[in-house]
Amino acid sequence: MVWLAPSAVAQGVSESRVLPSVDYRDGDQTLNAFAPVSAATRYSIVKLNVDGGTVALGTVVGTNGLALTKASELKPGRLTCWLAGGREVPAERLGVDEDDDLALVRVQATDLKPITWATENTVVGQWAVTPGIEETPFAVGIISALPRQIRFPRALIGVQFDFATSQPKIALILAGMGAEKAGLTAGDLIVAVNNAAVTNREQVVERLREFHDGQTVTLRVERAARQFDVAVRMTALPTDEEASTSRFSERFNHPAGEVSRRANGFTMALQHDTVLPPWLCGGPLVDLDGKAIGINIARASRVATFALPPDVVKRALAKLEPAPAPAVQAAR
């Protein structure tokens, strides 16, 4: 694909207006072409710091200083925000939506402008701009996939069932995984998962799909005619891509921070091909009119970044936004 400045997208554009190949993606000429987009949005964005180090961008969603950002990047410490214009102000975290890794923060500033949300449907191939608090955007890309559920990697308890019976009877314990650490043994029969009774292997597998890496599930197990409960920690096996990335990282000392700490498990997310470091997540992804088509939520792989679409963001905000203070009735 040839990357053009927005003014050069029109049909019949002359060859002289095509950008040099060195500027197709991240060159200054490309980013300068999108400067009007940053001008329209930079006062709707904050840059969040923890103990002086930048950890994420934030998307302003209220005139009272409320902003949304990526929750898993907000490690404990002193939280401040840099604003467009170069001013640093205090901020506080108000709440977290675990479902989509969003955090609501209150920025101690009164001159912030809430982001404007796009109302038209996003389409594959349209421009996607990641602005910041500067006069030019951080990066540009295109939408590569429409909103879809992004599941957590499948997590396992670490057993192999006995296929000679339809019952969820354990035939083999996998070394180093949760079942072994919880003390399960071959011959144990699983009779309930988190207090929900199960009678066959398929029911166990289906219920365990609801859990992800690091979570703990309670199994009721029958052994020698005696039943007891055990807590088993779920463990995700690396995908082929993750295993390959891990080997590449070890061999070439590739920075592990290239991918977000949490890069999956979102109720719905659109995908674009912008290459963003994790600290640029949390800010808006906008169209050429400067309207937000989502909030960048994760750098997922070498060529994929996820953004939460507006309807998902608005639902999360409705859950997180503080209730207005009750009106004080004047004394008579």
C-alpha atoms as a PDB file:
ATOM      1  CA  MET A   1       0.000   0.000   0.000  1.00  0.00           C
ATOM      2  CA  VAL A   2       1.176   3.541  -0.781  1.00  0.00           C
ATOM      3  CA  TRP A   3       0.797   5.900   2.192  1.00  0.00           C
ATOM      4  CA  LEU A   4      -0.462   9.333   1.220  1.00  0.00           C
ATOM      5  CA  ALA A   5      -1.046  12.558   3.051  1.00  0.00           C
ATOM      6  CA  PRO A   6      -4.790  13.097   3.636  1.00  0.00           C
ATOM      7  CA  SER A   7      -4.889  15.788   0.950  1.00  0.00           C
ATOM      8  CA  ALA A   8      -3.475  13.317  -1.563  1.00  0.00           C
ATOM      9  CA  VAL A   9      -6.068  10.598  -1.143  1.00  0.00           C
ATOM     10  CA  ALA A  10      -8.450  12.018  -3.745  1.00  0.00           C
ATOM     11  CA  GLN A  11      -8.817  10.142  -7.001  1.00  0.00           C
ATOM     12  CA  GLY A  12      -6.544  11.388  -9.783  1.00  0.00           C
ATOM     13  CA  VAL A  13      -3.820  12.730  -7.489  1.00  0.00           C
ATOM     14  CA  SER A  14      -0.596  13.621  -9.298  1.00  0.00           C
ATOM     15  CA  GLU A  15       2.497  11.504  -8.784  1.00  0.00           C
ATOM     16  CA  SER A  16       4.383  14.450  -7.306  1.00  0.00           C
ATOM     17  CA  ARG A  17       2.131  14.389  -4.242  1.00  0.00           C
ATOM     18  CA  VAL A  18       2.982  10.817  -3.288  1.00  0.00           C
ATOM     19  CA  LEU A  19       5.180  10.680  -0.193  1.00  0.00           C
ATOM     20  CA  PRO A  20       8.740   9.338  -0.482  1.00  0.00           C
ATOM     21  CA  SER A  21       8.985   5.732   0.635  1.00  0.00           C
ATOM     22  CA  VAL A  22      11.020   6.709   3.723  1.00  0.00           C
ATOM     23  CA  ASP A  23       8.000   8.679   4.969  1.00  0.00           C
ATOM     24  CA  TYR A  24       5.300   6.056   4.362  1.00  0.00           C
ATOM     25  CA  ARG A  25       4.718   5.321   8.041  1.00  0.00           C
ATOM     26  CA  ASP A  26       6.515   7.362  10.669  1.00  0.00           C
ATOM     27  CA  GLY A  27       8.446  10.024   8.802  1.00  0.00           C
ATOM     28  CA  ASP A  28       8.120  13.665   9.823  1.00  0.00           C
ATOM     29  CA  GLN A  29       6.456  14.565   6.528  1.00  0.00           C
ATOM     30  CA  THR A  30       3.722  11.981   7.133  1.00  0.00           C
ATOM     31  CA  LEU A  31       3.089  13.060  10.711  1.00  0.00           C
ATOM     32  CA  ASN A  32       3.114  16.744   9.780  1.00  0.00           C
ATOM     33  CA  ALA A  33       0.401  16.034   7.224  1.00  0.00           C
ATOM     34  CA  PHE A  34      -1.834  14.941  10.111  1.00  0.00           C
ATOM     35  CA  ALA A  35      -1.006  17.943  12.336  1.00  0.00           C
ATOM     36  CA  PRO A  36      -4.560  19.395  12.002  1.00  0.00           C
ATOM     37  CA  VAL A  37      -5.880  16.220  13.630  1.00  0.00           C
ATOM     38  CA  SER A  38      -3.606  16.720  16.645  1.00  0.00           C
ATOM     39  CA  ALA A  39      -4.592  20.369  16.824  1.00  0.00           C
ATOM     40  CA  ALA A  40      -8.222  19.295  17.135  1.00  0.00           C
ATOM     41  CA  THR A  41      -7.599  16.691  19.844  1.00  0.00           C
ATOM     42  CA  ARG A  42      -4.485  17.510  21.903  1.00  0.00           C
ATOM     43  CA  TYR A  43      -6.470  19.273  24.633  1.00  0.00           C
ATOM     44  CA  SER A  44      -8.573  16.121  25.017  1.00  0.00           C
ATOM     45  CA  ILE A  45      -5.524  14.006  25.884  1.00  0.00           C
ATOM     46  CA  VAL A  46      -3.280  13.747  28.938  1.00  0.00           C
ATOM     47  CA  LYS A  47       0.017  11.929  29.422  1.00  0.00           C
ATOM     48  CA  LEU A  48       0.062   9.963  32.685  1.00  0.00           C
ATOM     49  CA  ASN A  49       3.202   9.617  34.778  1.00  0.00           C
ATOM     50  CA  VAL A  50       3.844   7.409  37.791  1.00  0.00           C
ATOM     51  CA  ASP A  51       6.732   8.610  39.957  1.00  0.00           C
ATOM     52  CA  GLY A  52       7.985  10.754  37.082  1.00  0.00           C
ATOM     53  CA  GLY A  53       7.891   8.075  34.360  1.00  0.00           C
ATOM     54  CA  THR A  54       5.338   8.074  31.552  1.00  0.00           C
ATOM     55  CA  VAL A  55       3.146   4.959  31.644  1.00  0.00           C
ATOM     56  CA  ALA A  56       0.140   5.714  29.399  1.00  0.00           C
ATOM     57  CA  LEU A  57      -1.959   8.317  27.651  1.00  0.00           C
ATOM     58  CA  GLY A  58      -5.412   9.283  28.894  1.00  0.00           C
ATOM     59  CA  THR A  59      -8.595  10.214  27.043  1.00  0.00           C
ATOM     60  CA  VAL A  60     -10.531  13.128  28.539  1.00  0.00           C
ATOM     61  CA  VAL A  61     -14.209  12.192  28.898  1.00  0.00           C
ATOM     62  CA  GLY A  62     -15.604  14.940  31.136  1.00  0.00           C
ATOM     63  CA  THR A  63     -15.344  18.666  31.752  1.00  0.00           C
ATOM     64  CA  ASN A  64     -14.677  17.918  35.416  1.00  0.00           C
ATOM     65  CA  GLY A  65     -11.239  16.442  34.709  1.00  0.00           C
ATOM     66  CA  LEU A  66     -12.308  12.833  34.227  1.00  0.00           C
ATOM     67  CA  ALA A  67     -10.161  10.746  31.876  1.00  0.00           C
ATOM     68  CA  LEU A  68      -9.996   7.077  30.921  1.00  0.00           C
ATOM     69  CA  THR A  69      -6.740   5.176  30.476  1.00  0.00           C
ATOM     70  CA  LYS A  70      -5.287   1.650  30.412  1.00  0.00           C
ATOM     71  CA  ALA A  71      -5.610   0.281  33.941  1.00  0.00           C
ATOM     72  CA  SER A  72      -2.859  -2.353  33.920  1.00  0.00           C
ATOM     73  CA  GLU A  73      -0.190   0.268  33.189  1.00  0.00           C
ATOM     74  CA  LEU A  74      -1.041   2.320  36.315  1.00  0.00           C
ATOM     75  CA  LYS A  75       1.375   0.773  38.786  1.00  0.00           C
ATOM     76  CA  PRO A  76       1.362   2.098  42.382  1.00  0.00           C
ATOM     77  CA  GLY A  77       3.055   5.442  42.929  1.00  0.00           C
ATOM     78  CA  ARG A  78       2.579   9.187  42.623  1.00  0.00           C
ATOM     79  CA  LEU A  79       0.233   9.830  39.707  1.00  0.00           C
ATOM     80  CA  THR A  80       0.523  13.043  37.694  1.00  0.00           C
ATOM     81  CA  CYS A  81      -0.496  14.187  34.217  1.00  0.00           C
ATOM     82  CA  TRP A  82       1.206  16.300  31.589  1.00  0.00           C
ATOM     83  CA  LEU A  83      -1.193  18.486  29.622  1.00  0.00           C
ATOM     84  CA  ALA A  84      -0.928  20.061  26.187  1.00  0.00           C
ATOM     85  CA  GLY A  85       1.090  23.210  26.684  1.00  0.00           C
ATOM     86  CA  GLY A  86       3.601  21.619  29.046  1.00  0.00           C
ATOM     87  CA  ARG A  87       1.866  21.834  32.442  1.00  0.00           C
ATOM     88  CA  GLU A  88       2.075  18.938  34.952  1.00  0.00           C
ATOM     89  CA  VAL A  89      -0.805  18.476  37.405  1.00  0.00           C
ATOM     90  CA  PRO A  90      -1.767  15.925  40.080  1.00  0.00           C
ATOM     91  CA  ALA A  91      -4.202  13.102  39.299  1.00  0.00           C
ATOM     92  CA  GLU A  92      -5.933  10.312  41.197  1.00  0.00           C
ATOM     93  CA  ARG A  93      -7.297   6.947  40.174  1.00  0.00           C
ATOM     94  CA  LEU A  94     -11.024   6.619  40.900  1.00  0.00           C
ATOM     95  CA  GLY A  95     -11.875   3.114  39.723  1.00  0.00           C
ATOM     96  CA  VAL A  96     -11.093   0.229  37.378  1.00  0.00           C
ATOM     97  CA  ASP A  97     -13.182  -1.768  34.912  1.00  0.00           C
ATOM     98  CA  GLU A  98     -11.438  -5.153  34.937  1.00  0.00           C
ATOM     99  CA  ASP A  99     -13.450  -6.449  31.982  1.00  0.00           C
ATOM    100  CA  ASP A 100     -11.756  -4.126  29.492  1.00  0.00           C
ATOM    101  CA  ASP A 101      -8.692  -2.913  31.441  1.00  0.00           C
ATOM    102  CA  LEU A 102      -9.907   0.682  31.725  1.00  0.00           C
ATOM    103  CA  ALA A 103      -9.207   3.001  34.647  1.00  0.00           C
ATOM    104  CA  LEU A 104     -10.969   6.265  35.431  1.00  0.00           C
ATOM    105  CA  VAL A 105      -8.750   9.048  36.744  1.00  0.00           C
ATOM    106  CA  ARG A 106      -9.475  12.579  37.873  1.00  0.00           C
ATOM    107  CA  VAL A 107      -7.043  15.174  36.571  1.00  0.00           C
ATOM    108  CA  GLN A 108      -6.630  18.329  38.620  1.00  0.00           C
ATOM    109  CA  ALA A 109      -7.279  20.705  35.719  1.00  0.00           C
ATOM    110  CA  THR A 110     -10.279  22.755  34.602  1.00  0.00           C
ATOM    111  CA  ASP A 111      -9.314  23.568  31.007  1.00  0.00           C
ATOM    112  CA  LEU A 112      -9.631  20.067  29.523  1.00  0.00           C
ATOM    113  CA  LYS A 113     -11.887  19.372  26.550  1.00  0.00           C
ATOM    114  CA  PRO A 114     -13.806  16.068  26.420  1.00  0.00           C
ATOM    115  CA  ILE A 115     -13.094  13.989  23.342  1.00  0.00           C
ATOM    116  CA  THR A 116     -15.739  13.979  20.609  1.00  0.00           C
ATOM    117  CA  TRP A 117     -16.892  10.491  19.646  1.00  0.00           C
ATOM    118  CA  ALA A 118     -17.376   9.486  16.024  1.00  0.00           C
ATOM    119  CA  THR A 119     -20.924   8.516  15.091  1.00  0.00           C
ATOM    120  CA  GLU A 120     -20.259   6.865  11.728  1.00  0.00           C
ATOM    121  CA  ASN A 121     -19.286   3.209  11.466  1.00  0.00           C
ATOM    122  CA  THR A 122     -15.590   2.423  11.245  1.00  0.00           C
ATOM    123  CA  VAL A 123     -14.539   0.671   8.032  1.00  0.00           C
ATOM    124  CA  VAL A 124     -11.546  -1.481   7.198  1.00  0.00           C
ATOM    125  CA  GLY A 125      -8.871   0.558   5.413  1.00  0.00           C
ATOM    126  CA  GLN A 126      -9.711   3.960   6.876  1.00  0.00           C
ATOM    127  CA  TRP A 127      -7.052   6.140   8.448  1.00  0.00           C
ATOM    128  CA  ALA A 128      -6.464   5.704  12.188  1.00  0.00           C
ATOM    129  CA  VAL A 129      -4.494   8.426  13.957  1.00  0.00           C
ATOM    130  CA  THR A 130      -2.942   8.248  17.427  1.00  0.00           C
ATOM    131  CA  PRO A 131      -2.545  11.842  18.625  1.00  0.00           C
ATOM    132  CA  GLY A 132      -0.933  13.035  21.833  1.00  0.00           C
ATOM    133  CA  ILE A 133      -0.418  16.331  23.606  1.00  0.00           C
ATOM    134  CA  GLU A 134       2.059  17.575  20.988  1.00  0.00           C
ATOM    135  CA  GLU A 135       1.324  19.436  17.753  1.00  0.00           C
ATOM    136  CA  THR A 136       1.857  16.357  15.586  1.00  0.00           C
ATOM    137  CA  PRO A 137       0.461  12.860  16.223  1.00  0.00           C
ATOM    138  CA  PHE A 138       2.569   9.998  17.513  1.00  0.00           C
ATOM    139  CA  ALA A 139       1.671   7.631  14.681  1.00  0.00           C
ATOM    140  CA  VAL A 140      -0.805   6.849  11.908  1.00  0.00           C
ATOM    141  CA  GLY A 141      -2.078   3.590  10.494  1.00  0.00           C
ATOM    142  CA  ILE A 142      -5.172   1.987   9.036  1.00  0.00           C
ATOM    143  CA  ILE A 143      -8.021  -0.073  10.436  1.00  0.00           C
ATOM    144  CA  SER A 144      -7.341  -3.732   9.664  1.00  0.00           C
ATOM    145  CA  ALA A 145     -10.245  -5.506  11.403  1.00  0.00           C
ATOM    146  CA  LEU A 146     -13.680  -4.479  12.666  1.00  0.00           C
ATOM    147  CA  PRO A 147     -14.699  -4.869  16.330  1.00  0.00           C
ATOM    148  CA  ARG A 148     -14.741  -8.429  17.635  1.00  0.00           C
ATOM    149  CA  GLN A 149     -14.273 -10.194  20.947  1.00  0.00           C
ATOM    150  CA  ILE A 150     -10.643 -10.681  21.933  1.00  0.00           C
ATOM    151  CA  ARG A 151     -10.515 -13.729  24.172  1.00  0.00           C
ATOM    152  CA  PHE A 152      -7.934 -14.487  26.810  1.00  0.00           C
ATOM    153  CA  PRO A 153      -5.544 -17.287  25.810  1.00  0.00           C
ATOM    154  CA  ARG A 154      -7.031 -20.606  26.816  1.00  0.00           C
ATOM    155  CA  ALA A 155      -5.964 -21.618  30.323  1.00  0.00           C
ATOM    156  CA  LEU A 156      -5.750 -25.163  31.677  1.00  0.00           C
ATOM    157  CA  ILE A 157      -5.723 -26.872  35.055  1.00  0.00           C
ATOM    158  CA  GLY A 158      -3.174 -29.420  33.853  1.00  0.00           C
ATOM    159  CA  VAL A 159      -4.940 -32.786  33.610  1.00  0.00           C
ATOM    160  CA  GLN A 160      -5.684 -35.379  30.955  1.00  0.00           C
ATOM    161  CA  PHE A 161      -9.012 -37.166  31.300  1.00  0.00           C
ATOM    162  CA  ASP A 162      -9.647 -40.883  31.062  1.00  0.00           C
ATOM    163  CA  PHE A 163     -11.233 -41.331  27.620  1.00  0.00           C
ATOM    164  CA  ALA A 164     -12.443 -44.826  28.490  1.00  0.00           C
ATOM    165  CA  THR A 165     -15.357 -43.151  30.311  1.00  0.00           C
ATOM    166  CA  SER A 166     -17.511 -40.080  29.722  1.00  0.00           C
ATOM    167  CA  GLN A 167     -17.087 -39.066  33.350  1.00  0.00           C
ATOM    168  CA  PRO A 168     -14.511 -36.348  34.159  1.00  0.00           C
ATOM    169  CA  LYS A 169     -12.071 -38.836  35.641  1.00  0.00           C
ATOM    170  CA  ILE A 170      -8.419 -37.816  35.699  1.00  0.00           C
ATOM    171  CA  ALA A 171      -6.008 -40.196  33.986  1.00  0.00           C
ATOM    172  CA  LEU A 172      -2.851 -38.082  34.004  1.00  0.00           C
ATOM    173  CA  ILE A 173      -1.506 -35.051  35.894  1.00  0.00           C
ATOM    174  CA  LEU A 174       0.697 -32.635  33.924  1.00  0.00           C
ATOM    175  CA  ALA A 175       3.863 -31.668  35.768  1.00  0.00           C
ATOM    176  CA  GLY A 176       4.237 -28.132  37.050  1.00  0.00           C
ATOM    177  CA  MET A 177       0.650 -27.011  36.481  1.00  0.00           C
ATOM    178  CA  GLY A 178      -2.164 -26.128  38.848  1.00  0.00           C
ATOM    179  CA  ALA A 179      -3.642 -29.596  39.315  1.00  0.00           C
ATOM    180  CA  GLU A 180      -0.316 -31.053  40.470  1.00  0.00           C
ATOM    181  CA  LYS A 181       0.303 -28.127  42.833  1.00  0.00           C
ATOM    182  CA  ALA A 182      -3.199 -28.552  44.292  1.00  0.00           C
ATOM    183  CA  GLY A 183      -2.518 -32.223  45.071  1.00  0.00           C
ATOM    184  CA  LEU A 184      -4.797 -33.871  42.503  1.00  0.00           C
ATOM    185  CA  THR A 185      -3.864 -37.393  41.415  1.00  0.00           C
ATOM    186  CA  ALA A 186      -4.746 -39.860  38.670  1.00  0.00           C
ATOM    187  CA  GLY A 187      -8.071 -41.537  39.454  1.00  0.00           C
ATOM    188  CA  ASP A 188      -9.674 -38.432  40.986  1.00  0.00           C
ATOM    189  CA  LEU A 189     -13.180 -37.658  39.720  1.00  0.00           C
ATOM    190  CA  ILE A 190     -14.254 -34.026  39.292  1.00  0.00           C
ATOM    191  CA  VAL A 191     -17.873 -33.641  40.417  1.00  0.00           C
ATOM    192  CA  ALA A 192     -18.267 -29.833  40.532  1.00  0.00           C
ATOM    193  CA  VAL A 193     -16.629 -26.658  39.216  1.00  0.00           C
ATOM    194  CA  ASN A 194     -17.178 -23.606  41.426  1.00  0.00           C
ATOM    195  CA  ASN A 195     -20.184 -25.333  43.053  1.00  0.00           C
ATOM    196  CA  ALA A 196     -21.768 -26.175  39.676  1.00  0.00           C
ATOM    197  CA  ALA A 197     -22.240 -29.924  39.359  1.00  0.00           C
ATOM    198  CA  VAL A 198     -20.642 -31.689  36.369  1.00  0.00           C
ATOM    199  CA  THR A 199     -21.158 -35.226  35.109  1.00  0.00           C
ATOM    200  CA  ASN A 200     -18.972 -35.411  31.988  1.00  0.00           C
ATOM    201  CA  ARG A 201     -15.717 -34.135  30.508  1.00  0.00           C
ATOM    202  CA  GLU A 202     -17.413 -31.659  28.163  1.00  0.00           C
ATOM    203  CA  GLN A 203     -19.101 -29.857  31.052  1.00  0.00           C
ATOM    204  CA  VAL A 204     -15.782 -29.443  32.853  1.00  0.00           C
ATOM    205  CA  VAL A 205     -14.042 -28.126  29.739  1.00  0.00           C
ATOM    206  CA  GLU A 206     -16.887 -25.691  29.005  1.00  0.00           C
ATOM    207  CA  ARG A 207     -16.907 -24.255  32.521  1.00  0.00           C
ATOM    208  CA  LEU A 208     -13.132 -23.897  32.640  1.00  0.00           C
ATOM    209  CA  ARG A 209     -13.221 -21.822  29.431  1.00  0.00           C
ATOM    210  CA  GLU A 210     -14.645 -18.973  31.516  1.00  0.00           C
ATOM    211  CA  PHE A 211     -11.372 -18.621  33.426  1.00  0.00           C
ATOM    212  CA  HIS A 212      -8.011 -17.263  32.325  1.00  0.00           C
ATOM    213  CA  ASP A 213      -4.377 -17.437  33.288  1.00  0.00           C
ATOM    214  CA  GLY A 214      -3.751 -16.664  36.950  1.00  0.00           C
ATOM    215  CA  GLN A 215      -7.328 -17.110  38.107  1.00  0.00           C
ATOM    216  CA  THR A 216      -8.239 -19.789  40.639  1.00  0.00           C
ATOM    217  CA  VAL A 217     -11.100 -22.239  40.230  1.00  0.00           C
ATOM    218  CA  THR A 218     -12.572 -24.414  42.984  1.00  0.00           C
ATOM    219  CA  LEU A 219     -13.030 -28.073  42.070  1.00  0.00           C
ATOM    220  CA  ARG A 220     -14.975 -30.604  44.111  1.00  0.00           C
ATOM    221  CA  VAL A 221     -13.184 -33.904  43.745  1.00  0.00           C
ATOM    222  CA  GLU A 222     -14.189 -37.445  44.655  1.00  0.00           C
ATOM    223  CA  ARG A 223     -11.435 -39.812  45.772  1.00  0.00           C
ATOM    224  CA  ALA A 224     -12.005 -43.219  47.388  1.00  0.00           C
ATOM    225  CA  ALA A 225     -15.690 -42.415  48.028  1.00  0.00           C
ATOM    226  CA  ARG A 226     -14.773 -39.163  49.787  1.00  0.00           C
ATOM    227  CA  GLN A 227     -15.439 -35.693  48.386  1.00  0.00           C
ATOM    228  CA  PHE A 228     -13.374 -32.569  49.079  1.00  0.00           C
ATOM    229  CA  ASP A 229     -12.710 -29.141  47.538  1.00  0.00           C
ATOM    230  CA  VAL A 230      -9.414 -27.943  46.098  1.00  0.00           C
ATOM    231  CA  ALA A 231      -8.390 -24.552  44.686  1.00  0.00           C
ATOM    232  CA  VAL A 232      -6.577 -24.891  41.340  1.00  0.00           C
ATOM    233  CA  ARG A 233      -4.746 -22.072  39.617  1.00  0.00           C
ATOM    234  CA  MET A 234      -5.305 -21.809  35.860  1.00  0.00           C
ATOM    235  CA  THR A 235      -2.276 -21.658  33.568  1.00  0.00           C
ATOM    236  CA  ALA A 236      -2.156 -20.510  29.945  1.00  0.00           C
ATOM    237  CA  LEU A 237       0.085 -22.323  27.499  1.00  0.00           C
ATOM    238  CA  PRO A 238       1.943 -19.949  25.135  1.00  0.00           C
ATOM    239  CA  THR A 239       0.670 -19.714  21.582  1.00  0.00           C
ATOM    240  CA  ASP A 240       3.054 -20.474  18.734  1.00  0.00           C
ATOM    241  CA  GLU A 241       3.514 -16.738  18.122  1.00  0.00           C
ATOM    242  CA  GLU A 242       4.198 -16.036  21.803  1.00  0.00           C
ATOM    243  CA  ALA A 243       6.669 -18.899  22.014  1.00  0.00           C
ATOM    244  CA  SER A 244       8.412 -17.655  18.869  1.00  0.00           C
ATOM    245  CA  THR A 245       8.549 -14.097  20.240  1.00  0.00           C
ATOM    246  CA  SER A 246       9.947 -15.387  23.518  1.00  0.00           C
ATOM    247  CA  ARG A 247      12.714 -17.307  21.736  1.00  0.00           C
ATOM    248  CA  PHE A 248      13.464 -14.253  19.584  1.00  0.00           C
ATOM    249  CA  SER A 249      13.633 -12.055  22.702  1.00  0.00           C
ATOM    250  CA  GLU A 250      16.045 -14.380  24.450  1.00  0.00           C
ATOM    251  CA  ARG A 251      18.271 -14.701  21.388  1.00  0.00           C
ATOM    252  CA  PHE A 252      18.455 -11.048  20.408  1.00  0.00           C
ATOM    253  CA  ASN A 253      17.705  -9.351  23.765  1.00  0.00           C
ATOM    254  CA  HIS A 254      14.536  -7.870  22.234  1.00  0.00           C
ATOM    255  CA  PRO A 255      12.747  -5.639  24.806  1.00  0.00           C
ATOM    256  CA  ALA A 256       9.947  -7.565  26.518  1.00  0.00           C
ATOM    257  CA  GLY A 257       7.885  -4.383  26.890  1.00  0.00           C
ATOM    258  CA  GLU A 258       7.040  -4.213  23.176  1.00  0.00           C
ATOM    259  CA  VAL A 259       3.690  -5.906  23.847  1.00  0.00           C
ATOM    260  CA  SER A 260       1.254  -4.621  26.493  1.00  0.00           C
ATOM    261  CA  ARG A 261       1.116  -6.421  29.822  1.00  0.00           C
ATOM    262  CA  ARG A 262      -2.495  -7.220  29.069  1.00  0.00           C
ATOM    263  CA  ALA A 263      -3.097  -7.620  25.362  1.00  0.00           C
ATOM    264  CA  ASN A 264      -6.273  -9.733  25.283  1.00  0.00           C
ATOM    265  CA  GLY A 265      -9.495 -10.514  27.102  1.00  0.00           C
ATOM    266  CA  PHE A 266     -11.562  -7.573  25.776  1.00  0.00           C
ATOM    267  CA  THR A 267     -15.326  -7.747  25.270  1.00  0.00           C
ATOM    268  CA  MET A 268     -14.972  -6.064  21.874  1.00  0.00           C
ATOM    269  CA  ALA A 269     -12.049  -4.368  20.103  1.00  0.00           C
ATOM    270  CA  LEU A 270     -11.159  -3.130  16.655  1.00  0.00           C
ATOM    271  CA  GLN A 271      -7.694  -3.723  15.231  1.00  0.00           C
ATOM    272  CA  HIS A 272      -5.319  -1.374  13.437  1.00  0.00           C
ATOM    273  CA  ASP A 273      -1.782  -1.751  12.162  1.00  0.00           C
ATOM    274  CA  THR A 274      -0.188   1.188  13.982  1.00  0.00           C
ATOM    275  CA  VAL A 275       3.001   0.247  15.811  1.00  0.00           C
ATOM    276  CA  LEU A 276       2.509   1.648  19.319  1.00  0.00           C
ATOM    277  CA  PRO A 277       4.664   1.062  22.383  1.00  0.00           C
ATOM    278  CA  PRO A 278       2.575   0.144  25.461  1.00  0.00           C
ATOM    279  CA  TRP A 279       2.967   3.585  27.040  1.00  0.00           C
ATOM    280  CA  LEU A 280       1.023   5.122  24.133  1.00  0.00           C
ATOM    281  CA  CYS A 281      -2.091   3.095  24.985  1.00  0.00           C
ATOM    282  CA  GLY A 282      -4.979   4.675  26.877  1.00  0.00           C
ATOM    283  CA  GLY A 283      -5.347   7.624  24.520  1.00  0.00           C
ATOM    284  CA  PRO A 284      -7.870   8.055  21.715  1.00  0.00           C
ATOM    285  CA  LEU A 285      -7.680   6.598  18.229  1.00  0.00           C
ATOM    286  CA  VAL A 286      -9.244   9.182  15.922  1.00  0.00           C
ATOM    287  CA  ASP A 287     -10.370   9.639  12.337  1.00  0.00           C
ATOM    288  CA  LEU A 288      -9.384  12.467   9.988  1.00  0.00           C
ATOM    289  CA  ASP A 289     -11.999  14.737  11.579  1.00  0.00           C
ATOM    290  CA  GLY A 290     -10.382  14.330  14.994  1.00  0.00           C
ATOM    291  CA  LYS A 291     -13.303  12.275  16.296  1.00  0.00           C
ATOM    292  CA  ALA A 292     -12.548   9.242  18.429  1.00  0.00           C
ATOM    293  CA  ILE A 293     -13.258   5.851  16.899  1.00  0.00           C
ATOM    294  CA  GLY A 294     -11.886   4.134  19.993  1.00  0.00           C
ATOM    295  CA  ILE A 295      -9.397   4.117  22.854  1.00  0.00           C
ATOM    296  CA  ASN A 296      -6.092   2.349  22.211  1.00  0.00           C
ATOM    297  CA  ILE A 297      -6.059  -0.434  24.767  1.00  0.00           C
ATOM    298  CA  ALA A 298      -3.198  -2.804  23.849  1.00  0.00           C
ATOM    299  CA  ARG A 299      -0.228  -3.384  21.629  1.00  0.00           C
ATOM    300  CA  ALA A 300      -1.011  -7.004  20.834  1.00  0.00           C
ATOM    301  CA  SER A 301       1.744  -8.075  18.450  1.00  0.00           C
ATOM    302  CA  ARG A 302       4.328  -6.764  16.030  1.00  0.00           C
ATOM    303  CA  VAL A 303       1.677  -5.543  13.582  1.00  0.00           C
ATOM    304  CA  ALA A 304      -1.525  -5.329  15.633  1.00  0.00           C
ATOM    305  CA  THR A 305      -2.881  -2.809  18.122  1.00  0.00           C
ATOM    306  CA  PHE A 306      -6.361  -3.080  19.674  1.00  0.00           C
ATOM    307  CA  ALA A 307      -8.740  -0.211  20.431  1.00  0.00           C
ATOM    308  CA  LEU A 308     -11.997  -0.331  22.376  1.00  0.00           C
ATOM    309  CA  PRO A 309     -14.864   1.061  20.259  1.00  0.00           C
ATOM    310  CA  PRO A 310     -16.988   3.960  21.579  1.00  0.00           C
ATOM    311  CA  ASP A 311     -19.943   1.861  22.750  1.00  0.00           C
ATOM    312  CA  VAL A 312     -17.666  -0.314  24.915  1.00  0.00           C
ATOM    313  CA  VAL A 313     -15.955   2.774  26.341  1.00  0.00           C
ATOM    314  CA  LYS A 314     -19.255   4.480  27.144  1.00  0.00           C
ATOM    315  CA  ARG A 315     -20.564   1.402  28.986  1.00  0.00           C
ATOM    316  CA  ALA A 316     -17.393   1.243  31.066  1.00  0.00           C
ATOM    317  CA  LEU A 317     -17.605   4.964  31.834  1.00  0.00           C
ATOM    318  CA  ALA A 318     -21.207   4.584  32.995  1.00  0.00           C
ATOM    319  CA  LYS A 319     -20.042   1.961  35.513  1.00  0.00           C
ATOM    320  CA  LEU A 320     -17.029   3.947  36.716  1.00  0.00           C
ATOM    321  CA  GLU A 321     -18.269   7.528  36.763  1.00  0.00           C
ATOM    322  CA  PRO A 322     -18.873   8.785  40.323  1.00  0.00           C
ATOM    323  CA  ALA A 323     -22.441   9.562  41.271  1.00  0.00           C
ATOM    324  CA  PRO A 324     -23.140  13.287  41.524  1.00  0.00           C
ATOM    325  CA  ALA A 325     -23.077  14.695  45.028  1.00  0.00           C
ATOM    326  CA  PRO A 326     -26.561  15.208  46.512  1.00  0.00           C
ATOM    327  CA  ALA A 327     -27.791  18.765  46.383  1.00  0.00           C
ATOM    328  CA  VAL A 328     -27.592  20.645  49.652  1.00  0.00           C
ATOM    329  CA  GLN A 329     -30.961  22.059  50.584  1.00  0.00           C
ATOM    330  CA  ALA A 330     -30.811  25.641  51.780  1.00  0.00           C
ATOM    331  CA  ALA A 331     -31.871  26.199  55.369  1.00  0.00           C
ATOM    332  CA  ARG A 332     -35.166  28.021  55.837  1.00  0.00           C
END
